[in-house]
Amino acid sequence: MITWDTKIFDVFPELKDSSNSAYLNVTLNELLSHRSGVRPFTEDEEWEALSTIQGKDDITRRYNFCKWLLRQTPVEIDSIKKHTYSNAGYALAASMMERVIGKFWNELISDELFSPLQIHANFGWPALLDKNG
């Protein structure tokens, strides 16, 4: 089971010793509300680091990214906004849910959100799916 208060290392205890201790008590809620200190991944330079992440499938690559990410130094939370936006926080949250629920993120979000709400959605880079989008 996963809740808003589930901590990263409740789900990934094997990563605890090799990770930055600043992430020790970070919860799913903090990841999704951008109060975790996880690097933003909003700049091209940050995305370049992803070329080294390997894996046989999306779940493995996402997990390996999270393993790498949790070793990085956290960023400071914006003192005025009380959060610092992080695309990577979403990836970490998705990986947590994949581990707990046992489904690929795409399946999980489709089954639990898109289908019940009759939402049509695509996964991946928008420009690769629709050149006009």
N, C-alpha and C. Protein backbone atom coordinates (compact mmCIF):
# COMPACT_ATOMS: atom_id res chain seq x y z
N MET A 1 0.84 -1.18 0.00
CA MET A 1 0.00 0.00 0.00
C MET A 1 0.89 1.24 0.00
N ILE A 2 0.44 2.26 -0.68
CA ILE A 2 1.16 3.53 -0.72
C ILE A 2 0.20 4.64 -0.30
N THR A 3 0.70 5.55 0.51
CA THR A 3 -0.10 6.69 0.98
C THR A 3 0.70 7.97 0.75
N TRP A 4 0.08 9.09 1.00
CA TRP A 4 0.77 10.38 0.88
C TRP A 4 2.00 10.43 1.78
N ASP A 5 1.95 9.74 2.91
CA ASP A 5 3.05 9.78 3.88
C ASP A 5 4.10 8.69 3.67
N THR A 6 3.96 7.88 2.63
CA THR A 6 4.96 6.86 2.35
C THR A 6 6.28 7.53 1.99
N LYS A 7 7.34 7.10 2.65
CA LYS A 7 8.67 7.67 2.40
C LYS A 7 9.35 6.89 1.27
N ILE A 8 10.24 7.57 0.57
CA ILE A 8 10.97 6.96 -0.54
C ILE A 8 11.59 5.63 -0.12
N PHE A 9 12.25 5.62 1.04
CA PHE A 9 12.99 4.43 1.45
C PHE A 9 12.10 3.38 2.12
N ASP A 10 10.82 3.70 2.33
CA ASP A 10 9.86 2.65 2.69
C ASP A 10 9.66 1.74 1.48
N VAL A 11 9.72 2.33 0.31
CA VAL A 11 9.50 1.61 -0.94
C VAL A 11 10.82 1.04 -1.49
N PHE A 12 11.89 1.80 -1.32
CA PHE A 12 13.20 1.40 -1.84
C PHE A 12 14.24 1.31 -0.72
N PRO A 13 14.05 0.39 0.22
CA PRO A 13 15.00 0.30 1.34
C PRO A 13 16.43 -0.02 0.88
N GLU A 14 16.56 -0.72 -0.24
CA GLU A 14 17.88 -1.10 -0.75
C GLU A 14 18.70 0.11 -1.23
N LEU A 15 18.05 1.26 -1.42
CA LEU A 15 18.76 2.46 -1.89
C LEU A 15 19.18 3.38 -0.74
N LYS A 16 18.70 3.12 0.44
CA LYS A 16 18.91 4.02 1.57
C LYS A 16 20.38 4.29 1.86
N ASP A 17 21.20 3.27 1.93
CA ASP A 17 22.61 3.44 2.31
C ASP A 17 23.44 4.16 1.26
N SER A 18 23.04 4.06 -0.02
CA SER A 18 23.82 4.69 -1.09
C SER A 18 23.28 6.06 -1.49
N SER A 19 22.23 6.53 -0.83
CA SER A 19 21.59 7.80 -1.18
C SER A 19 22.03 8.93 -0.27
N ASN A 20 21.78 10.14 -0.73
CA ASN A 20 22.04 11.33 0.07
C ASN A 20 21.07 11.32 1.26
N SER A 21 21.58 11.49 2.44
CA SER A 21 20.75 11.40 3.65
C SER A 21 19.68 12.50 3.72
N ALA A 22 19.81 13.54 2.91
CA ALA A 22 18.80 14.60 2.90
C ALA A 22 17.44 14.08 2.45
N TYR A 23 17.43 12.96 1.74
CA TYR A 23 16.17 12.39 1.24
C TYR A 23 15.56 11.36 2.19
N LEU A 24 16.17 11.15 3.33
CA LEU A 24 15.78 10.09 4.25
C LEU A 24 14.29 10.10 4.60
N ASN A 25 13.72 11.27 4.87
CA ASN A 25 12.32 11.35 5.31
C ASN A 25 11.38 11.95 4.28
N VAL A 26 11.81 12.03 3.02
CA VAL A 26 10.96 12.60 1.97
C VAL A 26 9.80 11.66 1.67
N THR A 27 8.61 12.22 1.60
CA THR A 27 7.39 11.45 1.36
C THR A 27 6.87 11.63 -0.06
N LEU A 28 5.95 10.78 -0.44
CA LEU A 28 5.28 10.90 -1.73
C LEU A 28 4.62 12.27 -1.85
N ASN A 29 3.99 12.73 -0.80
CA ASN A 29 3.35 14.04 -0.78
C ASN A 29 4.37 15.15 -1.10
N GLU A 30 5.54 15.08 -0.49
CA GLU A 30 6.56 16.10 -0.73
C GLU A 30 7.09 16.05 -2.16
N LEU A 31 7.21 14.84 -2.71
CA LEU A 31 7.63 14.72 -4.11
C LEU A 31 6.63 15.39 -5.04
N LEU A 32 5.35 15.10 -4.83
CA LEU A 32 4.32 15.61 -5.73
C LEU A 32 3.95 17.07 -5.49
N SER A 33 4.34 17.61 -4.35
CA SER A 33 4.10 19.04 -4.08
C SER A 33 5.38 19.86 -4.21
N HIS A 34 6.43 19.23 -4.73
CA HIS A 34 7.70 19.92 -5.04
C HIS A 34 8.38 20.51 -3.80
N ARG A 35 8.28 19.79 -2.70
CA ARG A 35 8.94 20.23 -1.46
C ARG A 35 9.96 19.20 -0.98
N SER A 36 10.52 18.43 -1.92
CA SER A 36 11.44 17.36 -1.57
C SER A 36 12.91 17.74 -1.72
N GLY A 37 13.19 18.77 -2.50
CA GLY A 37 14.57 19.14 -2.79
C GLY A 37 15.16 18.36 -3.95
N VAL A 38 14.36 17.52 -4.59
CA VAL A 38 14.83 16.76 -5.75
C VAL A 38 15.11 17.74 -6.89
N ARG A 39 16.22 17.50 -7.58
CA ARG A 39 16.65 18.38 -8.66
C ARG A 39 15.51 18.60 -9.67
N PRO A 40 15.43 19.81 -10.24
CA PRO A 40 14.29 20.16 -11.09
C PRO A 40 14.18 19.41 -12.42
N PHE A 41 15.28 19.25 -13.12
CA PHE A 41 15.27 18.71 -14.47
C PHE A 41 14.35 19.53 -15.37
N THR A 42 14.63 20.83 -15.36
CA THR A 42 13.91 21.76 -16.23
C THR A 42 14.87 22.42 -17.23
N GLU A 43 16.15 22.12 -17.15
CA GLU A 43 17.17 22.73 -18.02
C GLU A 43 17.82 21.65 -18.89
N ASP A 44 18.25 22.05 -20.10
CA ASP A 44 18.88 21.11 -21.03
C ASP A 44 20.07 20.38 -20.42
N GLU A 45 20.88 21.10 -19.65
CA GLU A 45 22.08 20.49 -19.06
C GLU A 45 21.72 19.33 -18.14
N GLU A 46 20.62 19.46 -17.43
CA GLU A 46 20.20 18.38 -16.54
C GLU A 46 19.76 17.16 -17.36
N TRP A 47 19.06 17.37 -18.45
CA TRP A 47 18.57 16.26 -19.28
C TRP A 47 19.72 15.49 -19.91
N GLU A 48 20.84 16.17 -20.17
CA GLU A 48 21.99 15.49 -20.77
C GLU A 48 22.51 14.35 -19.89
N ALA A 49 22.37 14.48 -18.59
CA ALA A 49 22.81 13.43 -17.67
C ALA A 49 22.04 12.13 -17.87
N LEU A 50 20.85 12.21 -18.43
CA LEU A 50 20.01 11.03 -18.60
C LEU A 50 20.53 10.06 -19.65
N SER A 51 21.41 10.54 -20.53
CA SER A 51 21.91 9.66 -21.58
C SER A 51 22.72 8.49 -21.03
N THR A 52 23.16 8.59 -19.79
CA THR A 52 23.94 7.52 -19.18
C THR A 52 23.08 6.49 -18.46
N ILE A 53 21.79 6.75 -18.31
CA ILE A 53 20.90 5.85 -17.58
C ILE A 53 20.50 4.68 -18.50
N GLN A 54 20.77 3.47 -18.04
CA GLN A 54 20.51 2.26 -18.83
C GLN A 54 19.40 1.43 -18.19
N GLY A 55 18.86 0.51 -18.97
CA GLY A 55 17.86 -0.42 -18.46
C GLY A 55 17.15 -1.12 -19.61
N LYS A 56 16.65 -2.32 -19.34
CA LYS A 56 16.02 -3.12 -20.38
C LYS A 56 14.60 -2.67 -20.72
N ASP A 57 13.97 -1.91 -19.81
CA ASP A 57 12.61 -1.43 -20.04
C ASP A 57 12.40 -0.13 -19.26
N ASP A 58 11.23 0.47 -19.41
CA ASP A 58 10.96 1.76 -18.77
C ASP A 58 11.04 1.70 -17.25
N ILE A 59 10.54 0.62 -16.66
CA ILE A 59 10.57 0.50 -15.20
C ILE A 59 12.02 0.46 -14.71
N THR A 60 12.85 -0.31 -15.38
CA THR A 60 14.26 -0.42 -14.98
C THR A 60 15.00 0.90 -15.18
N ARG A 61 14.77 1.56 -16.32
CA ARG A 61 15.42 2.85 -16.56
C ARG A 61 14.97 3.89 -15.54
N ARG A 62 13.68 3.92 -15.23
CA ARG A 62 13.16 4.88 -14.25
C ARG A 62 13.77 4.60 -12.87
N TYR A 63 13.84 3.33 -12.50
CA TYR A 63 14.45 2.94 -11.22
C TYR A 63 15.93 3.35 -11.19
N ASN A 64 16.66 3.08 -12.26
CA ASN A 64 18.08 3.45 -12.31
C ASN A 64 18.27 4.97 -12.26
N PHE A 65 17.35 5.69 -12.88
CA PHE A 65 17.38 7.16 -12.78
C PHE A 65 17.18 7.58 -11.33
N CYS A 66 16.21 6.98 -10.66
CA CYS A 66 15.94 7.31 -9.26
C CYS A 66 17.14 7.00 -8.37
N LYS A 67 17.77 5.86 -8.62
CA LYS A 67 18.96 5.48 -7.86
C LYS A 67 20.05 6.54 -8.03
N TRP A 68 20.25 7.00 -9.25
CA TRP A 68 21.23 8.06 -9.53
C TRP A 68 20.79 9.38 -8.89
N LEU A 69 19.53 9.71 -9.06
CA LEU A 69 18.98 10.97 -8.56
C LEU A 69 19.13 11.10 -7.04
N LEU A 70 18.88 10.03 -6.33
CA LEU A 70 18.93 10.06 -4.87
C LEU A 70 20.35 10.19 -4.32
N ARG A 71 21.35 10.05 -5.17
CA ARG A 71 22.73 10.28 -4.74
C ARG A 71 23.15 11.75 -4.93
N GLN A 72 22.32 12.52 -5.63
CA GLN A 72 22.65 13.91 -5.94
C GLN A 72 22.35 14.82 -4.75
N THR A 73 23.02 15.96 -4.72
CA THR A 73 22.76 16.97 -3.69
C THR A 73 21.41 17.62 -3.96
N PRO A 74 20.57 17.74 -2.95
CA PRO A 74 19.26 18.38 -3.16
C PRO A 74 19.40 19.86 -3.47
N VAL A 75 18.38 20.40 -4.07
CA VAL A 75 18.32 21.84 -4.31
C VAL A 75 17.57 22.49 -3.15
N GLU A 76 17.77 23.78 -3.00
CA GLU A 76 17.05 24.50 -1.94
C GLU A 76 15.61 24.75 -2.36
N ILE A 77 14.73 24.68 -1.39
CA ILE A 77 13.32 24.99 -1.63
C ILE A 77 13.19 26.51 -1.67
N ASP A 78 12.50 27.02 -2.67
CA ASP A 78 12.28 28.46 -2.80
C ASP A 78 11.57 28.98 -1.54
N SER A 79 12.21 29.91 -0.84
CA SER A 79 11.69 30.37 0.45
C SER A 79 10.42 31.21 0.31
N ILE A 80 10.19 31.78 -0.84
CA ILE A 80 8.98 32.60 -1.04
C ILE A 80 7.82 31.73 -1.51
N LYS A 81 8.05 30.90 -2.52
CA LYS A 81 7.00 30.04 -3.05
C LYS A 81 6.76 28.80 -2.19
N LYS A 82 7.73 28.46 -1.36
CA LYS A 82 7.67 27.28 -0.48
C LYS A 82 7.73 25.96 -1.25
N HIS A 83 8.21 26.03 -2.49
CA HIS A 83 8.43 24.82 -3.28
C HIS A 83 9.43 25.13 -4.38
N THR A 84 10.02 24.09 -4.95
CA THR A 84 10.87 24.21 -6.13
C THR A 84 10.43 23.12 -7.09
N TYR A 85 9.86 23.53 -8.21
CA TYR A 85 9.31 22.58 -9.18
C TYR A 85 10.35 21.55 -9.60
N SER A 86 9.91 20.29 -9.72
CA SER A 86 10.83 19.21 -10.11
C SER A 86 10.14 18.18 -10.99
N ASN A 87 10.54 18.12 -12.26
CA ASN A 87 10.08 17.04 -13.14
C ASN A 87 10.56 15.70 -12.60
N ALA A 88 11.76 15.67 -12.06
CA ALA A 88 12.35 14.42 -11.55
C ALA A 88 11.56 13.87 -10.36
N GLY A 89 10.95 14.74 -9.58
CA GLY A 89 10.12 14.29 -8.46
C GLY A 89 8.96 13.44 -8.94
N TYR A 90 8.41 13.79 -10.10
CA TYR A 90 7.33 12.99 -10.68
C TYR A 90 7.84 11.61 -11.08
N ALA A 91 9.04 11.55 -11.65
CA ALA A 91 9.62 10.26 -12.05
C ALA A 91 9.84 9.38 -10.82
N LEU A 92 10.31 9.97 -9.75
CA LEU A 92 10.54 9.22 -8.52
C LEU A 92 9.22 8.72 -7.94
N ALA A 93 8.20 9.56 -7.94
CA ALA A 93 6.87 9.16 -7.47
C ALA A 93 6.31 8.03 -8.33
N ALA A 94 6.48 8.12 -9.64
CA ALA A 94 6.00 7.07 -10.55
C ALA A 94 6.71 5.75 -10.27
N SER A 95 8.01 5.81 -10.04
CA SER A 95 8.77 4.61 -9.74
C SER A 95 8.32 3.97 -8.43
N MET A 96 8.01 4.81 -7.44
CA MET A 96 7.49 4.30 -6.17
C MET A 96 6.18 3.55 -6.40
N MET A 97 5.29 4.15 -7.19
CA MET A 97 3.99 3.53 -7.43
C MET A 97 4.13 2.24 -8.25
N GLU A 98 5.05 2.24 -9.22
CA GLU A 98 5.29 1.01 -9.98
C GLU A 98 5.72 -0.13 -9.06
N ARG A 99 6.60 0.17 -8.13
CA ARG A 99 7.12 -0.86 -7.22
C ARG A 99 5.99 -1.38 -6.32
N VAL A 100 5.21 -0.49 -5.75
CA VAL A 100 4.18 -0.90 -4.79
C VAL A 100 3.00 -1.60 -5.47
N ILE A 101 2.56 -1.06 -6.61
CA ILE A 101 1.35 -1.57 -7.25
C ILE A 101 1.66 -2.67 -8.26
N GLY A 102 2.88 -2.66 -8.80
CA GLY A 102 3.28 -3.73 -9.70
C GLY A 102 2.84 -3.56 -11.14
N LYS A 103 2.58 -2.35 -11.56
CA LYS A 103 2.21 -2.07 -12.95
C LYS A 103 3.13 -0.99 -13.50
N PHE A 104 3.34 -1.03 -14.84
CA PHE A 104 4.04 0.07 -15.48
C PHE A 104 3.26 1.36 -15.23
N TRP A 105 3.97 2.46 -15.11
CA TRP A 105 3.33 3.76 -14.88
C TRP A 105 2.25 4.03 -15.92
N ASN A 106 2.54 3.78 -17.19
CA ASN A 106 1.56 4.05 -18.25
C ASN A 106 0.27 3.26 -18.03
N GLU A 107 0.41 1.99 -17.65
CA GLU A 107 -0.77 1.16 -17.37
C GLU A 107 -1.52 1.68 -16.15
N LEU A 108 -0.77 1.97 -15.12
CA LEU A 108 -1.35 2.43 -13.87
C LEU A 108 -2.17 3.70 -14.05
N ILE A 109 -1.59 4.69 -14.69
CA ILE A 109 -2.28 5.97 -14.85
C ILE A 109 -3.46 5.83 -15.81
N SER A 110 -3.32 4.96 -16.82
CA SER A 110 -4.43 4.72 -17.75
C SER A 110 -5.58 4.01 -17.05
N ASP A 111 -5.26 2.94 -16.32
CA ASP A 111 -6.30 2.15 -15.65
C ASP A 111 -7.01 2.91 -14.53
N GLU A 112 -6.25 3.66 -13.76
CA GLU A 112 -6.80 4.28 -12.55
C GLU A 112 -7.31 5.71 -12.74
N LEU A 113 -6.87 6.38 -13.79
CA LEU A 113 -7.26 7.78 -13.97
C LEU A 113 -7.92 8.03 -15.33
N PHE A 114 -7.18 7.75 -16.40
CA PHE A 114 -7.68 8.11 -17.72
C PHE A 114 -8.94 7.34 -18.11
N SER A 115 -8.93 6.02 -17.96
CA SER A 115 -10.11 5.23 -18.35
C SER A 115 -11.35 5.62 -17.56
N PRO A 116 -11.30 5.67 -16.23
CA PRO A 116 -12.52 6.05 -15.49
C PRO A 116 -13.05 7.44 -15.86
N LEU A 117 -12.14 8.34 -16.20
CA LEU A 117 -12.57 9.71 -16.55
C LEU A 117 -12.75 9.90 -18.05
N GLN A 118 -12.59 8.82 -18.80
CA GLN A 118 -12.73 8.83 -20.27
C GLN A 118 -11.83 9.89 -20.91
N ILE A 119 -10.58 9.89 -20.47
CA ILE A 119 -9.58 10.82 -21.00
C ILE A 119 -8.72 10.07 -22.00
N HIS A 120 -8.51 10.65 -23.18
CA HIS A 120 -7.59 10.08 -24.15
C HIS A 120 -6.24 10.77 -23.97
N ALA A 121 -5.21 9.99 -23.77
CA ALA A 121 -3.88 10.57 -23.55
C ALA A 121 -2.83 9.70 -24.23
N ASN A 122 -1.72 10.33 -24.60
CA ASN A 122 -0.58 9.63 -25.17
C ASN A 122 0.60 9.79 -24.21
N PHE A 123 1.53 8.86 -24.29
CA PHE A 123 2.73 8.93 -23.46
C PHE A 123 3.94 9.16 -24.36
N GLY A 124 4.87 9.96 -23.87
CA GLY A 124 6.09 10.23 -24.63
C GLY A 124 6.21 11.70 -24.97
N TRP A 125 7.21 12.01 -25.75
CA TRP A 125 7.44 13.40 -26.16
C TRP A 125 6.33 13.84 -27.10
N PRO A 126 5.60 14.91 -26.78
CA PRO A 126 4.46 15.35 -27.61
C PRO A 126 4.83 15.56 -29.08
N ALA A 127 5.95 16.16 -29.37
CA ALA A 127 6.30 16.46 -30.76
C ALA A 127 6.58 15.19 -31.56
N LEU A 128 6.93 14.09 -30.88
CA LEU A 128 7.14 12.83 -31.60
C LEU A 128 5.83 12.16 -31.95
N LEU A 129 4.78 12.46 -31.18
CA LEU A 129 3.47 11.85 -31.40
C LEU A 129 2.60 12.68 -32.32
N ASP A 130 2.74 13.99 -32.26
CA ASP A 130 1.91 14.90 -33.07
C ASP A 130 2.78 16.10 -33.45
N LYS A 131 3.18 16.14 -34.68
CA LYS A 131 4.08 17.22 -35.14
C LYS A 131 3.44 18.60 -35.02
N ASN A 132 2.11 18.66 -34.89
CA ASN A 132 1.41 19.94 -34.76
C ASN A 132 1.18 20.34 -33.31
N GLY A 133 1.48 19.41 -32.39
CA GLY A 133 1.17 19.60 -30.97
C GLY A 133 2.17 20.36 -30.19
